[in-house]
Structure formats: C-alpha cells, structure tokens
Amino acid sequence: MRLRFGLTAVLGAALLAVSASAPASAASGQFRYDYVTVDGYEASGFLNNPADGVCVNLAGVGEENPEAGHSPKNRTDSWATVYSEPDCEGASFPLRPFTGGAGERLKVRSVVFG
C-alpha cells in the first residue's frame, strides 16, 4: 500500500514539474503575410503556432527592406494585432481568429497574438 502511494506521489510530482515548465500558451495555426523582397521579388512569410503575448518582428520586412509587408491573414485560433512598425509600435489593426485578414493597403512589420 505504501509503495503504491509513494509511486503515485512521485508520478504526480513529475507531472506537475513537466506542466510547470511548459510554455504558457501559443496560438495554434498559421499567420501569413506578403511582401516584396529587397531584390523586387514577391514573397510570402508565415509564422506557425506563434507564442501568445510576444511581439514578433516579421522576417523580410525589417530595417533592411524599405517596403513593409502587406495582406496579413490570421489563420490561428488567437486574435492577432498587426503593427505598421517593428517592435509592435505605430498604427495597429486587430485580426480575428481563423478568418481575419486584410488587403495590400494594410502595411505590417510586426505582430502580437493573444
């Protein structure tokens, strides 16, 4: 009996330790955007299962590229707020989960989920 109780306690403690070290939460799904590369080519960028509450500067549209990204599409299960400047600064626009999107006129350089 004591062995069974001890084993249960050890397994419970191990499970608690594993769950405590897991990330708080993440958006499930994909966020996509389009941009023009520095060389003038059309390209698409995406984020898969991005973390909630973390500002992400979008690849390909940073300081090295004078043109911002455009046409964001939120296919995650979390709200996404896109920003016109890096580091989640400047004008912002919220995109609803699963179906949120905008056209070429919405310029983006960073995004945060949650």
Protein backbone atom coordinates (compact mmCIF):
# COMPACT_ATOMS: atom_id res chain seq x y z
CA MET A 1 0.00 0.00 0.00
CA ARG A 2 2.78 2.43 0.93
CA LEU A 3 4.67 1.59 -2.24
CA ARG A 4 1.60 2.38 -4.38
CA PHE A 5 1.05 5.70 -2.56
CA GLY A 6 4.73 6.59 -2.92
CA LEU A 7 4.73 5.78 -6.62
CA THR A 8 1.58 7.85 -7.15
CA ALA A 9 3.14 10.80 -5.31
CA VAL A 10 6.33 10.60 -7.40
CA LEU A 11 4.38 10.41 -10.67
CA GLY A 12 2.16 13.31 -9.61
CA ALA A 13 5.18 15.45 -8.73
CA ALA A 14 6.83 14.61 -12.05
CA LEU A 15 3.69 15.55 -13.98
CA LEU A 16 3.43 18.82 -12.08
CA ALA A 17 7.06 19.66 -12.82
CA VAL A 18 6.62 18.97 -16.55
CA SER A 19 3.45 21.06 -16.81
CA ALA A 20 5.04 23.95 -14.90
CA SER A 21 7.93 24.13 -17.37
CA ALA A 22 5.72 24.12 -20.48
CA PRO A 23 5.11 27.44 -22.27
CA ALA A 24 2.14 29.45 -21.03
CA SER A 25 0.24 29.32 -24.32
CA ALA A 26 0.62 29.58 -28.04
CA ALA A 27 -1.67 30.39 -30.90
CA SER A 28 -2.43 27.27 -32.89
CA GLY A 29 -2.36 27.68 -36.65
CA GLN A 30 -0.60 29.88 -39.18
CA PHE A 31 -0.21 33.62 -39.73
CA ARG A 32 0.72 34.68 -43.28
CA TYR A 33 1.73 37.92 -44.98
CA ASP A 34 3.08 39.01 -48.36
CA TYR A 35 5.97 41.33 -49.13
CA VAL A 36 8.35 42.43 -51.86
CA THR A 37 11.97 41.44 -51.29
CA VAL A 38 14.84 43.91 -51.47
CA ASP A 39 15.55 42.44 -54.93
CA GLY A 40 11.99 43.17 -56.07
CA TYR A 41 10.52 39.65 -55.91
CA GLU A 42 7.09 38.82 -54.48
CA ALA A 43 7.36 36.63 -51.40
CA SER A 44 5.24 35.26 -48.57
CA GLY A 45 6.17 34.94 -44.94
CA PHE A 46 4.48 32.90 -42.26
CA LEU A 47 4.53 32.05 -38.56
CA ASN A 48 3.42 28.62 -37.36
CA ASN A 49 1.94 28.28 -33.87
CA PRO A 50 3.34 31.60 -32.58
CA ALA A 51 3.58 32.29 -28.83
CA ASP A 52 0.87 34.46 -27.26
CA GLY A 53 1.84 37.84 -25.83
CA VAL A 54 5.21 38.06 -27.61
CA CYS A 55 5.88 40.77 -30.18
CA VAL A 56 7.29 39.26 -33.38
CA ASN A 57 9.13 41.38 -35.94
CA LEU A 58 8.22 39.88 -39.30
CA ALA A 59 11.02 38.40 -41.38
CA GLY A 60 11.81 40.08 -44.69
CA VAL A 61 10.29 43.44 -43.81
CA GLY A 62 12.75 44.75 -41.22
CA GLU A 63 15.14 47.66 -41.40
CA GLU A 64 16.91 46.13 -44.41
CA ASN A 65 13.73 46.40 -46.50
CA PRO A 66 12.17 49.84 -47.04
CA GLU A 67 8.83 48.23 -48.00
CA ALA A 68 6.57 46.87 -45.28
CA GLY A 69 4.66 43.62 -45.60
CA HIS A 70 1.01 43.60 -46.60
CA SER A 71 -2.09 41.41 -46.92
CA PRO A 72 -1.86 39.70 -43.50
CA LYS A 73 -4.03 36.64 -42.90
CA ASN A 74 -4.63 35.26 -39.41
CA ARG A 75 -5.40 31.55 -39.54
CA THR A 76 -4.57 30.96 -35.87
CA ASP A 77 -7.03 30.42 -33.02
CA SER A 78 -5.95 33.68 -31.30
CA TRP A 79 -6.51 37.35 -32.05
CA ALA A 80 -3.55 38.89 -33.89
CA THR A 81 -2.74 42.58 -33.72
CA VAL A 82 -0.51 43.78 -36.55
CA TYR A 83 1.60 46.92 -36.36
CA SER A 84 2.96 49.26 -39.02
CA GLU A 85 6.39 49.45 -37.33
CA PRO A 86 8.86 46.95 -35.80
CA ASP A 87 8.65 46.13 -32.08
CA CYS A 88 4.83 46.41 -32.13
CA GLU A 89 4.86 50.19 -32.48
CA GLY A 90 3.00 52.54 -34.78
CA ALA A 91 -0.53 52.10 -36.11
CA SER A 92 -2.19 48.82 -35.17
CA PHE A 93 -5.02 46.71 -36.53
CA PRO A 94 -6.65 43.63 -34.92
CA LEU A 95 -7.30 40.48 -36.97
CA ARG A 96 -9.87 37.98 -35.67
CA PRO A 97 -9.01 34.31 -35.19
CA PHE A 98 -9.29 31.85 -38.10
CA THR A 99 -10.62 34.25 -40.77
CA GLY A 100 -9.03 37.64 -40.06
CA GLY A 101 -7.30 39.26 -42.97
CA ALA A 102 -6.66 42.48 -44.81
CA GLY A 103 -5.57 43.61 -48.25
CA GLU A 104 -2.49 45.24 -49.73
CA ARG A 105 -3.28 48.62 -48.22
CA LEU A 106 -2.58 47.38 -44.67
CA LYS A 107 1.19 47.63 -44.16
CA VAL A 108 2.74 45.43 -41.44
CA ARG A 109 6.15 44.95 -39.84
CA SER A 110 5.30 43.23 -36.53
CA VAL A 111 2.53 41.23 -34.84
CA VAL A 112 1.46 40.05 -31.38
CA PHE A 113 -1.02 37.26 -30.59
CA GLY A 114 -3.42 36.86 -27.72
